[in-house]
Protein backbone atom coordinates (compact mmCIF):
# COMPACT_ATOMS: atom_id res chain seq x y z
CA MET A 1 3.66 -6.79 -1.90
CA ARG A 2 2.80 -6.91 -5.60
CA ARG A 3 3.79 -3.37 -6.25
CA ARG A 4 2.70 -1.60 -9.44
CA VAL A 5 6.04 -0.08 -10.43
CA MET A 6 5.07 3.13 -12.18
CA SER A 7 7.65 3.66 -14.90
CA MET A 8 5.68 6.66 -16.10
CA LEU A 9 6.77 8.71 -13.12
CA ALA A 10 9.86 9.91 -14.93
CA GLY A 11 8.92 13.56 -14.77
CA VAL A 12 9.80 15.84 -11.93
CA ALA A 13 7.05 17.07 -9.66
CA LEU A 14 5.35 20.27 -8.39
CA ALA A 15 4.07 21.46 -4.97
CA ALA A 16 0.72 22.70 -3.76
CA SER A 17 -0.87 24.05 -0.62
CA ALA A 18 -4.53 23.17 -0.90
CA LEU A 19 -6.73 20.99 -3.08
CA PHE A 20 -10.45 21.33 -2.91
CA SER A 21 -13.71 20.49 -4.60
CA ALA A 22 -16.96 22.39 -4.94
CA GLY A 23 -19.46 19.44 -4.95
CA PRO A 24 -21.83 18.10 -2.33
CA ALA A 25 -20.71 17.68 1.25
CA ALA A 26 -21.66 14.00 1.34
CA ALA A 27 -23.42 11.31 -0.68
CA ASP A 28 -26.71 9.92 0.62
CA THR A 29 -25.90 6.25 0.03
CA PRO A 30 -22.50 4.92 -1.08
CA PRO A 31 -22.55 2.35 -3.91
CA PRO A 32 -21.91 -1.31 -3.00
CA GLU A 33 -18.58 -1.18 -4.88
CA PHE A 34 -16.53 1.20 -7.03
CA GLY A 35 -18.09 1.94 -10.41
CA ASN A 36 -16.94 3.92 -13.44
CA ASP A 37 -16.95 7.25 -11.61
CA TRP A 38 -16.34 8.67 -8.16
CA HIS A 39 -16.21 11.98 -6.31
CA ASP A 40 -13.66 14.49 -7.53
CA PRO A 41 -10.42 14.49 -5.48
CA VAL A 42 -10.52 16.47 -2.24
CA THR A 43 -8.28 17.03 0.74
CA ALA A 44 -8.98 18.31 4.23
CA ALA A 45 -6.14 20.86 4.10
CA PRO A 46 -7.17 24.49 4.71
CA PRO A 47 -7.62 26.77 1.71
CA VAL A 48 -5.09 29.51 1.05
CA PRO A 49 -6.26 32.68 2.88
CA LYS A 50 -6.68 35.68 0.61
CA PRO A 51 -6.80 39.41 1.44
CA HIS A 52 -9.82 41.57 0.62
CA THR A 53 -7.89 43.84 -1.70
CA LYS A 54 -7.87 44.51 -5.43
CA SER A 55 -6.79 41.45 -7.40
CA CYS A 56 -5.53 40.70 -10.92
CA GLU A 57 -5.36 37.29 -12.61
CA VAL A 58 -2.80 36.12 -15.16
CA THR A 59 -2.83 32.80 -17.02
CA VAL A 60 0.63 31.26 -16.79
CA ALA A 61 0.14 28.02 -18.72
CA GLU A 62 -2.66 26.12 -20.42
CA ALA A 63 -1.82 22.75 -21.94
CA GLN A 64 -2.77 19.14 -22.57
CA PHE A 65 -0.08 16.63 -21.64
CA ARG A 66 0.13 13.45 -23.70
CA ASP A 67 3.88 12.75 -23.51
CA PHE A 68 7.06 14.21 -22.06
CA THR A 69 7.10 17.37 -24.17
CA PRO A 70 7.11 20.41 -21.87
CA TYR A 71 4.85 23.38 -22.37
CA LYS A 72 6.86 26.56 -23.01
CA GLY A 73 5.50 30.07 -22.98
CA ALA A 74 6.02 33.61 -21.80
CA TYR A 75 4.88 35.35 -18.63
CA ALA A 76 4.34 39.06 -18.04
CA PRO A 77 3.34 40.48 -14.63
CA PRO A 78 0.13 42.49 -14.32
CA GLY A 79 0.56 46.25 -14.49
CA LYS A 80 -1.87 46.87 -11.65
CA CYS A 81 -2.55 45.41 -8.20
CA GLY A 82 0.70 46.78 -6.81
CA ALA A 83 3.02 46.54 -9.81
CA GLY A 84 5.43 44.13 -8.09
CA ASP A 85 4.75 45.11 -4.48
CA TRP A 86 1.89 42.66 -4.03
CA GLY A 87 0.55 41.65 -0.63
CA LYS A 88 -0.06 38.06 -1.74
CA VAL A 89 0.26 35.95 -4.88
CA VAL A 90 -1.73 32.70 -5.23
CA LEU A 91 -1.09 30.05 -7.84
CA ARG A 92 -3.99 27.85 -8.92
CA LEU A 93 -3.89 24.69 -11.02
CA ASP A 94 -7.15 23.39 -12.52
CA GLY A 95 -6.95 19.91 -14.00
CA LYS A 96 -9.17 17.32 -15.59
CA VAL A 97 -8.60 13.83 -17.01
CA LYS A 98 -10.71 10.81 -17.90
CA GLY A 99 -10.19 7.25 -19.09
CA ARG A 100 -7.36 5.08 -17.82
CA GLN A 101 -4.13 6.65 -16.59
CA TYR A 102 -1.42 6.27 -13.97
CA ASP A 103 -0.58 9.00 -11.50
CA ARG A 104 1.89 11.45 -13.00
CA LEU A 105 4.35 14.02 -11.69
CA GLY A 106 4.98 17.51 -13.02
CA TYR A 107 6.59 20.88 -12.41
CA LEU A 108 6.04 24.55 -13.17
CA ARG A 109 9.05 26.84 -13.56
CA ILE A 110 8.93 30.58 -14.05
CA GLY A 111 12.22 32.23 -14.94
CA GLY A 112 13.96 28.96 -14.11
CA VAL A 113 12.57 29.02 -10.55
CA GLU A 114 10.62 25.91 -9.61
CA VAL A 115 7.51 27.43 -8.05
CA PHE A 116 5.14 24.47 -8.07
CA ARG A 117 5.21 20.68 -7.85
CA THR A 118 2.43 18.11 -7.64
CA SER A 119 1.34 14.64 -8.62
CA THR A 120 -1.99 13.86 -10.26
CA PRO A 121 -4.95 11.72 -9.22
CA GLU A 122 -5.86 8.60 -11.18
CA PRO A 123 -8.98 9.16 -13.29
CA SER A 124 -12.30 7.38 -13.63
CA ALA A 125 -13.70 6.29 -16.98
CA ASP A 126 -16.19 9.16 -16.83
CA GLY A 127 -13.57 11.72 -15.82
CA ILE A 128 -12.53 13.76 -12.80
CA ALA A 129 -11.61 17.39 -12.17
CA TRP A 130 -9.55 18.88 -9.39
CA SER A 131 -8.01 22.18 -8.31
CA VAL A 132 -4.87 22.97 -6.34
CA GLU A 133 -3.81 26.28 -4.79
CA LYS A 134 -0.48 27.43 -3.43
CA ASP A 135 0.71 30.65 -1.80
CA VAL A 136 3.66 31.71 -3.97
CA THR A 137 4.24 35.15 -2.46
CA ARG A 138 7.81 34.14 -1.62
CA TYR A 139 8.56 34.20 -5.37
CA ARG A 140 7.35 37.77 -5.71
CA GLU A 141 10.73 39.04 -6.92
CA THR A 142 10.77 36.51 -9.78
CA LEU A 143 7.15 37.25 -10.68
CA GLY A 144 7.82 40.98 -10.90
CA ARG A 145 9.55 40.67 -14.32
CA ASP A 146 8.84 39.20 -17.74
CA GLN A 147 9.90 35.55 -17.65
CA GLN A 148 9.95 32.35 -19.64
CA VAL A 149 7.61 29.58 -18.44
CA GLU A 150 8.14 25.84 -18.59
CA MET A 151 5.64 23.26 -17.38
CA LEU A 152 5.60 19.48 -17.68
CA ILE A 153 3.41 16.70 -16.39
CA GLY A 154 5.09 13.74 -18.03
CA ASN A 155 2.48 11.40 -19.48
CA VAL A 156 2.03 8.39 -21.75
CA VAL A 157 -1.07 8.04 -23.94
CA ASN A 158 -1.65 4.91 -26.01
CA GLU A 159 -4.29 2.25 -26.62
CA THR A 160 -4.21 1.19 -22.97
CA TYR A 161 -3.55 4.43 -21.09
CA THR A 162 -5.97 6.90 -22.61
CA GLY A 163 -6.04 9.75 -20.09
CA VAL A 164 -4.92 13.11 -21.47
CA ILE A 165 -4.09 15.52 -18.64
CA ASP A 166 -5.68 18.91 -19.32
CA VAL A 167 -4.48 21.71 -17.03
CA LYS A 168 -4.57 25.46 -16.63
CA ALA A 169 -2.30 27.38 -14.26
CA THR A 170 -3.13 30.93 -13.18
CA LEU A 171 -1.65 33.49 -10.81
CA THR A 172 -3.84 35.87 -8.81
CA PHE A 173 -2.10 38.97 -7.47
CA TYR A 174 -3.54 40.82 -4.48
CA ALA A 175 -2.61 44.43 -3.81
CA ALA A 176 -0.91 45.05 -0.48
CA GLU A 177 -2.97 46.63 2.25
CA LYS A 178 -1.90 50.10 3.39
CA ALA A 179 -0.73 48.80 6.74
CA GLU A 180 1.54 46.28 4.99
CA LYS A 181 3.22 49.02 2.96
CA ALA A 182 3.74 51.20 6.02
CA GLU A 183 5.35 48.33 7.93
CA LYS A 184 7.48 47.03 5.08
CA GLY A 185 10.76 48.20 6.56
CA ALA A 186 10.01 47.01 10.07
CA GLN A 187 8.87 43.59 8.81
CA HIS A 188 11.86 43.00 6.55
CA LYS A 189 12.72 39.62 8.03
CA GLN A 190 9.17 38.36 7.52
CA ALA A 191 8.88 39.86 4.02
CA PRO A 192 9.38 37.79 0.87
CA PRO A 193 13.03 37.41 -0.16
CA ASP A 194 14.70 40.12 -2.21
CA ARG A 195 16.15 37.56 -4.64
CA VAL A 196 15.28 34.01 -5.68
CA LEU A 197 18.18 32.21 -7.35
CA PRO A 198 17.42 28.89 -9.07
CA LEU A 199 20.23 26.34 -9.05
CA GLY A 200 18.69 24.47 -11.96
CA ASP A 201 21.09 21.93 -13.46
CA SER A 202 24.04 23.88 -12.10
CA THR A 203 25.68 23.54 -8.70
CA THR A 204 27.28 26.99 -8.87
CA LEU A 205 25.87 29.81 -6.74
CA THR A 206 26.90 33.46 -6.57
CA THR A 207 24.90 35.44 -4.02
CA PRO A 208 24.59 39.23 -3.79
CA ARG A 209 27.44 40.56 -1.62
CA ASN A 210 25.01 42.20 0.81
CA SER A 211 23.05 39.04 1.66
CA GLU A 212 22.13 38.92 5.36
CA ARG A 213 19.87 35.85 5.33
CA ILE A 214 20.10 32.86 2.95
CA VAL A 215 17.67 29.93 2.79
CA ALA A 216 17.80 27.03 0.36
CA GLU A 217 14.63 25.14 -0.58
CA VAL A 218 14.73 21.70 -2.19
CA TYR A 219 11.76 19.95 -3.81
CA ALA A 220 12.98 16.41 -3.07
CA THR A 221 10.95 13.46 -4.32
CA GLY A 222 11.73 9.79 -4.77
CA SER A 223 10.04 9.01 -8.07
CA GLY A 224 10.62 8.19 -11.70
CA GLY A 225 9.87 4.47 -11.72
CA GLY A 226 11.75 1.71 -9.94
CA CYS A 227 12.25 1.13 -6.25
CA GLU A 228 13.14 4.67 -5.20
CA GLU A 229 9.42 5.49 -5.45
CA TYR A 230 9.14 3.09 -2.51
CA TRP A 231 12.48 3.85 -0.87
CA TYR A 232 11.00 3.28 2.60
CA LEU A 233 10.36 -0.39 1.65
CA THR A 234 13.79 -1.24 0.23
CA VAL A 235 15.95 -3.92 1.88
CA PRO A 236 19.67 -4.83 1.82
CA ASP A 237 20.94 -7.12 -0.92
CA ALA A 238 21.02 -10.17 1.36
CA ALA A 239 17.26 -10.14 1.94
CA PRO A 240 14.86 -11.86 -0.52
CA TYR A 241 12.67 -8.93 -1.54
CA SER A 242 11.76 -7.27 -4.85
CA CYS A 243 13.24 -3.83 -3.99
CA LYS A 244 16.85 -3.86 -2.86
CA THR A 245 19.28 -1.20 -1.68
CA GLU A 246 22.66 -2.03 -0.20
CA GLY A 247 22.13 0.08 2.94
CA GLY A 248 18.39 -0.45 3.35
CA PRO A 249 15.66 2.21 3.46
CA TYR A 250 17.35 5.09 5.30
CA ARG A 251 17.39 8.27 3.18
CA GLU A 252 18.60 11.76 3.99
CA VAL A 253 18.61 14.90 1.80
CA GLN A 254 21.88 16.79 2.27
CA VAL A 255 23.13 20.21 1.14
CA THR A 256 26.83 21.04 0.97
CA VAL A 257 28.59 24.38 0.46
CA ASP A 258 32.00 24.01 -1.17
CA GLY A 259 32.02 20.38 -0.10
CA GLN A 260 31.20 21.09 3.56
CA LEU A 261 27.97 19.68 4.98
CA ALA A 262 25.61 22.64 5.43
CA GLY A 263 22.17 21.06 5.91
CA ILE A 264 20.47 17.72 6.54
CA ALA A 265 16.80 16.74 6.42
CA ALA A 266 14.50 13.73 6.40
CA PRO A 267 12.58 13.41 3.11
CA PHE A 268 8.82 13.06 3.44
CA PRO A 269 7.66 9.48 2.69
CA THR A 270 5.13 10.44 0.03
CA VAL A 271 2.66 7.78 -1.09
CA TRP A 272 1.52 8.53 -4.64
CA THR A 273 -2.05 7.89 -5.76
CA GLY A 274 -1.23 4.45 -7.14
CA GLY A 275 0.85 3.50 -4.12
CA TRP A 276 0.82 0.41 -1.93
CA SER A 277 -0.56 -1.61 -4.86
CA ASN A 278 -4.00 -0.10 -4.31
CA PRO A 279 -5.19 3.02 -6.18
CA PHE A 280 -8.68 2.57 -4.68
CA LEU A 281 -7.28 4.00 -1.43
CA TRP A 282 -6.50 7.35 -3.03
CA TYR A 283 -9.12 8.01 -5.71
CA VAL A 284 -10.92 10.67 -3.66
CA ILE A 285 -8.62 11.53 -0.72
CA PRO A 286 -4.90 11.46 -1.54
CA GLY A 287 -2.27 10.66 1.07
CA PRO A 288 -0.59 13.60 2.82
CA ARG A 289 1.41 15.79 0.43
CA ALA A 290 0.62 13.74 -2.66
CA PHE A 291 -0.68 17.01 -4.10
CA ASP A 292 1.34 19.20 -1.74
CA ILE A 293 5.02 18.37 -2.18
CA LYS A 294 6.47 21.00 0.11
CA PRO A 295 10.11 21.95 -0.36
CA ILE A 296 12.60 21.13 2.38
CA GLU A 297 14.11 24.33 3.79
CA TYR A 298 17.70 24.80 4.98
CA ASP A 299 18.83 27.99 6.71
CA LEU A 300 22.29 28.66 5.25
CA THR A 301 22.75 32.05 6.95
CA PRO A 302 25.79 30.82 8.96
CA PHE A 303 27.55 30.51 5.57
CA ALA A 304 26.59 34.03 4.41
CA GLY A 305 29.97 35.54 5.25
CA LEU A 306 31.64 32.95 3.02
CA LEU A 307 29.09 33.19 0.21
CA ASN A 308 29.16 37.01 0.14
CA ASP A 309 32.70 37.26 -1.25
CA GLY A 310 31.39 37.82 -4.79
CA ARG A 311 32.82 34.59 -6.14
CA PRO A 312 30.94 31.47 -7.30
CA HIS A 313 30.56 28.66 -4.78
CA GLN A 314 29.54 25.05 -5.12
CA VAL A 315 26.15 24.30 -3.56
CA GLU A 316 25.15 20.69 -4.08
CA VAL A 317 22.15 18.56 -3.09
CA SER A 318 22.44 14.80 -2.64
CA VAL A 319 20.42 11.94 -1.16
CA ALA A 320 22.34 9.79 1.32
CA GLY A 321 21.35 6.13 1.11
CA ARG A 322 20.34 6.29 -2.54
CA PRO A 323 22.05 3.57 -4.57
CA GLU A 324 24.87 4.89 -6.70
CA ALA A 325 24.31 5.22 -10.44
CA THR A 326 20.52 4.97 -10.06
CA THR A 327 17.80 7.41 -10.97
CA GLY A 328 14.65 8.01 -9.01
CA TRP A 329 15.36 11.16 -6.99
CA HIS A 330 14.68 14.70 -8.14
CA THR A 331 16.08 17.56 -6.07
CA PRO A 332 15.55 20.92 -7.83
CA ALA A 333 16.58 23.78 -5.56
CA ASN A 334 16.09 27.52 -5.18
CA VAL A 335 18.11 29.86 -2.97
CA LEU A 336 16.17 32.65 -1.25
CA VAL A 337 18.15 35.76 -0.29
CA TRP A 338 17.29 38.70 1.94
CA GLN A 339 19.60 41.69 1.40
CA ASP A 340 20.79 44.58 3.54
CA GLU A 341 19.68 47.64 1.60
CA LYS A 342 22.11 49.89 3.47
CA ARG A 343 25.26 47.86 2.81
CA GLU A 344 27.04 47.00 -0.42
CA HIS A 345 28.95 44.20 1.29
CA VAL A 346 27.86 42.25 4.35
CA THR A 347 30.81 40.48 5.89
CA GLY A 348 30.73 37.58 8.31
CA LYS A 349 32.22 34.28 9.33
CA LEU A 350 31.35 30.65 9.95
CA THR A 351 32.18 30.21 13.64
CA GLY A 352 31.08 26.66 14.42
CA HIS A 353 30.50 23.39 12.56
CA THR A 354 29.79 20.06 14.25
CA ALA A 355 28.60 17.10 12.22
CA GLY A 356 27.93 13.76 13.86
CA ASP A 357 28.43 10.42 12.16
CA LEU A 358 25.54 9.26 10.02
CA ALA A 359 24.07 6.20 11.75
CA ASN A 360 22.38 3.58 9.59
CA LYS A 361 21.85 0.03 10.81
CA ALA A 362 19.59 -2.40 8.95
CA THR A 363 19.26 -5.83 10.60
CA TYR A 364 17.74 -8.65 8.54
CA THR A 365 16.18 -11.68 10.22
CA PRO A 366 15.38 -14.54 7.80
CA GLY A 367 11.89 -15.93 7.82
CA SER A 368 10.65 -19.51 7.99
CA PRO A 369 7.47 -21.30 6.85
CA GLY A 370 5.65 -20.01 9.92
CA ARG A 371 7.43 -16.69 10.38
CA PRO A 372 7.83 -13.69 8.03
CA HIS A 373 11.11 -12.15 6.99
CA ARG A 374 11.94 -9.06 9.03
CA LEU A 375 14.11 -5.98 8.58
CA ASP A 376 14.72 -3.64 11.52
CA THR A 377 16.17 -0.26 10.57
CA LYS A 378 17.56 2.46 12.80
CA GLY A 379 19.22 5.56 11.42
CA GLY A 380 19.93 9.17 12.25
CA HIS A 381 22.24 12.15 11.98
CA ARG A 382 23.01 15.43 13.77
CA LEU A 383 24.43 18.72 12.52
CA SER A 384 25.08 22.10 14.14
CA VAL A 385 26.42 25.18 12.33
CA SER A 386 26.96 28.74 13.60
CA GLY A 387 28.02 32.00 12.05
CA TYR A 388 27.55 35.76 12.06
CA VAL A 389 27.06 38.63 9.64
CA ASP A 390 27.89 42.29 10.30
CA THR A 391 24.90 44.22 8.97
CA SER A 392 23.90 47.89 8.97
CA HIS A 393 21.82 47.16 12.08
CA GLY A 394 24.57 45.35 13.95
CA ARG A 395 26.12 41.90 14.20
CA VAL A 396 23.60 39.07 13.76
CA GLU A 397 24.58 35.62 15.02
CA THR A 398 22.78 32.53 13.75
CA THR A 399 22.97 28.92 14.93
CA VAL A 400 21.18 26.09 13.15
CA THR A 401 20.91 22.64 14.74
CA ARG A 402 19.15 19.64 13.21
CA ALA A 403 18.67 16.08 14.45
CA LEU A 404 17.21 13.30 12.32
CA ALA A 405 16.02 9.84 13.36
CA ASN A 406 14.28 6.95 11.60
CA THR A 407 13.14 3.58 12.91
CA SER A 408 11.17 1.01 10.94
CA VAL A 409 10.08 -2.62 11.07
CA HIS A 410 9.41 -4.29 7.72
CA ARG A 411 7.84 -7.78 7.64
CA TRP A 412 7.00 -9.85 4.56
CA THR A 413 6.29 -13.46 3.60
CA GLU A 414 7.60 -15.53 0.71
CA GLY A 415 6.23 -14.15 -2.53
CA GLU A 416 5.34 -10.93 -0.65
CA SER A 417 1.71 -12.04 -0.34
CA ILE A 418 1.85 -10.29 3.03
CA ASP A 419 3.92 -7.13 3.20
CA ALA A 420 3.86 -4.77 6.18
CA LEU A 421 5.79 -1.68 7.28
CA LYS A 422 5.66 0.35 10.45
CA ALA A 423 7.96 3.38 10.41
CA ILE A 424 8.54 6.75 12.02
CA TRP A 425 10.77 9.64 10.95
CA THR A 426 11.62 12.66 13.10
CA ASP A 427 13.32 15.85 11.94
CA ARG A 428 13.97 18.38 14.73
CA GLU A 429 15.41 21.74 13.82
CA THR A 430 16.21 24.84 15.87
CA VAL A 431 17.27 28.16 14.35
CA THR A 432 18.54 30.68 16.90
CA ARG A 433 19.11 34.25 15.75
CA ASP A 434 20.18 36.87 18.30
CA GLY A 435 18.52 35.06 21.21
CA ARG A 436 15.26 34.34 19.36
CA ALA A 437 14.85 30.62 18.78
CA THR A 438 12.44 28.88 16.41
CA ARG A 439 12.17 25.15 16.98
CA THR A 440 10.30 22.91 14.54
CA ASP A 441 9.66 19.26 15.36
CA ARG A 442 8.49 17.24 12.35
CA THR A 443 7.15 13.69 12.70
CA TYR A 444 6.16 11.45 9.80
CA THR A 445 4.52 8.03 10.34
CA MET A 446 3.53 5.09 8.14
CA ASP A 447 1.77 1.88 9.26
CA GLY A 448 0.54 -0.28 6.40
CA THR A 449 -0.13 -3.91 5.44
CA THR A 450 -0.94 -5.39 2.05
CA THR A 451 -2.30 -8.95 1.87
CA LEU A 452 -2.94 -11.01 -1.27
CA GLY A 453 -5.49 -13.64 -0.29
CA ALA A 454 -7.73 -16.27 -1.82
CA GLY A 455 -9.06 -15.51 -5.29
CA ASP A 456 -6.34 -12.87 -5.74
CA ARG A 457 -8.22 -10.52 -3.43
CA LEU A 458 -5.71 -7.81 -2.51
CA ARG A 459 -6.35 -5.78 0.64
CA THR A 460 -4.38 -2.77 1.87
CA GLU A 461 -4.82 -1.19 5.29
CA ILE A 462 -2.75 1.90 5.94
CA ALA A 463 -2.39 4.88 8.26
CA LEU A 464 -0.20 7.90 7.47
CA GLY A 465 0.74 10.89 9.61
CA ASP A 466 2.34 14.27 8.92
CA ARG A 467 2.82 16.44 12.02
CA ALA A 468 4.85 19.60 12.67
CA GLU A 469 5.04 21.59 15.88
CA THR A 470 6.72 25.00 15.83
CA ALA A 471 7.59 26.97 18.97
CA VAL A 472 9.19 30.42 19.11
CA SER A 473 11.00 31.64 22.21
CA ASN A 474 12.84 34.83 23.11
CA ALA A 475 15.50 34.82 25.83
CA GLY A 476 14.25 31.40 26.91
CA ARG A 477 10.57 32.39 27.15
CA ARG A 478 8.08 30.90 24.70
CA THR A 479 6.23 33.54 22.71
CA ALA A 480 4.34 31.48 20.12
CA ARG A 481 3.36 27.89 19.30
CA SER A 482 1.53 26.23 16.41
CA VAL A 483 0.80 22.63 15.42
CA THR A 484 -0.17 21.20 12.03
CA ASP A 485 -1.40 17.60 12.10
CA ASP A 486 -2.57 15.69 9.00
CA ARG A 487 -3.81 12.09 9.49
CA TYR A 488 -4.96 9.65 6.81
CA GLU A 489 -6.48 6.15 7.20
CA GLY A 490 -7.56 3.82 4.40
CA ASP A 491 -8.74 0.25 3.84
CA ALA A 492 -9.43 -1.03 0.30
CA THR A 493 -9.83 -4.45 -1.34
CA TYR A 494 -10.07 -5.54 -4.97
CA THR A 495 -9.44 -8.56 -7.19
CA ALA A 496 -5.99 -8.26 -8.72
CA ASN A 497 -4.85 -9.36 -12.19
CA VAL A 498 -8.26 -8.89 -13.86
CA PRO A 499 -9.76 -6.10 -16.01
CA ARG A 500 -11.02 -3.02 -14.20
CA GLU A 501 -14.68 -4.02 -14.56
CA ASP A 502 -14.02 -7.33 -12.78
CA ARG A 503 -12.16 -5.96 -9.77
CA HIS A 504 -15.25 -5.60 -7.50
CA ALA A 505 -13.39 -3.03 -5.43
CA VAL A 506 -14.55 -1.67 -2.09
CA GLY A 507 -12.80 0.79 0.15
CA THR A 508 -13.02 3.45 2.80
CA SER A 509 -10.74 6.38 3.54
CA ARG A 510 -10.62 9.19 6.09
CA GLU A 511 -8.50 12.29 6.58
CA ARG A 512 -8.42 14.72 9.48
CA PHE A 513 -6.38 17.90 9.13
CA ARG A 514 -5.88 20.10 12.20
CA VAL A 515 -4.08 23.37 12.83
CA TYR A 516 -4.05 24.70 16.38
CA GLY A 517 -2.05 26.72 18.85
CA ASP A 518 -1.57 30.46 19.06
CA GLY A 519 -3.49 32.28 16.37
CA GLY A 520 -6.60 30.17 15.87
CA CYS A 521 -7.93 26.73 15.03
CA TYR A 522 -8.71 24.69 11.92
CA ASP A 523 -10.14 21.15 12.08
CA ARG A 524 -11.66 19.38 9.07
CA THR A 525 -12.55 15.71 8.56
CA LEU A 526 -13.38 13.95 5.28
CA ALA A 527 -14.47 10.34 4.78
CA THR A 528 -15.35 8.19 1.77
CA GLU A 529 -16.93 4.84 0.94
CA GLN A 530 -16.55 3.26 -2.51
CA GLY A 531 -15.62 6.64 -3.97
CA ALA A 532 -18.54 8.56 -2.46
CA LEU A 533 -17.81 11.42 -0.06
CA THR A 534 -19.73 10.52 3.10
CA VAL A 535 -18.31 13.00 5.65
CA ASN A 536 -17.23 16.61 5.18
CA ARG A 537 -17.11 18.18 8.64
CA LEU A 538 -15.51 21.43 9.75
CA ARG A 539 -15.18 21.83 13.52
CA CYS A 540 -13.41 25.19 13.83
């Protein structure tokens, strides 16, 4: 695959929940090929639900990004709409850019807490605009005080890459409904955390001594130029391919507490909007999570008894499988803490810890004139941790189990004129707390082929999947179930190695985003042809 290695992706990235466009539902007739403009970026993800209560809006940042100089400013919470006890807080990013530009990554930090990560779409010559929303109620404690703000979408502007990224970030605060305030005590476990502690560049964590639940969140992205942007395509050193890693493509994001393995997770295989050598796939509909880089969550409550001793502890994030002494992974982390208001010190103990061996086998089969090279990868890992805390409402026992698995088949020809990957990642986690179990099964899929044919016509066909099923049970009986399923398909062709106006690009894309199970239904489908939105259908 002739991969466009995006050295500009040196910035760290932000996360979003919904991207949407106001515009027509569909174009009457798509153009015969891509022109100088196309429909503004859209995604089929559901919008952030908002309460019908009094709201107040605050501008957090407004900047134009031309280089890698961060925006710095000050934030002050609104004096109304609940004065810190808000029912919901929604972050919105409005962006616009025109000309020629790569996709870029950026972050927004408030009080040192990374609250938002995203990548950007690639612009048309005439310009595009897009909007992203995220529910940031979980950061309510941070947002309740005056804070310093830092935002960066690292960019390069010169004679060739002319796109200046113009963005505005706002927070809208919604007052809590009366019923929410009345139930605050009873809903403590579902309420936003009492403290949000950013790790930042440090690995030292000191939690409040009365912490009864502790969750770490990590915004993990492979990016920053080089092969770690395409970590799922890397091969061992012995194989003749342009992106090499000694152990192959298996990656795993790990968290340790004082050197002991405390959490494992499969990173999401994000495809950025210039990915798979073909930006025409992503101009209107991005791949899953390209504008919604969700943090990985790790329930560290079994370690609460240890962490609550009032002393600093080492909490570190690392990426297993990443080549040593290489850049390309960003793993900023926050620690969310729920406290026991009736105890100054919550004691506890880690009672169980079982970590399996990390399995990673990459088997290379050399190709021949009539047969492509092939790499078969199989990897996985298991971890189980248990512990208890003695709270004002009794002893609470927590067990967290997680099982990861990855299989992939990578085929390519000499010169990578044909390059194909079929891969699946599963991340199955169960958190059991006092007999109530929440199981989340995550499945990520990628099936893509890029072919460079006659006349340097490059074609990419790809299908991506992002599915999560969550089931809650009490004493062995299921009480709730929900499924989120995001599917993307694209097929685009253009003439490579020529100016933009000579590419004669054509392409189609489709996304279907479904949410179903207990509590309702959401089902939206979008489709495009040559940059025109041809389908915008809502079934539920």
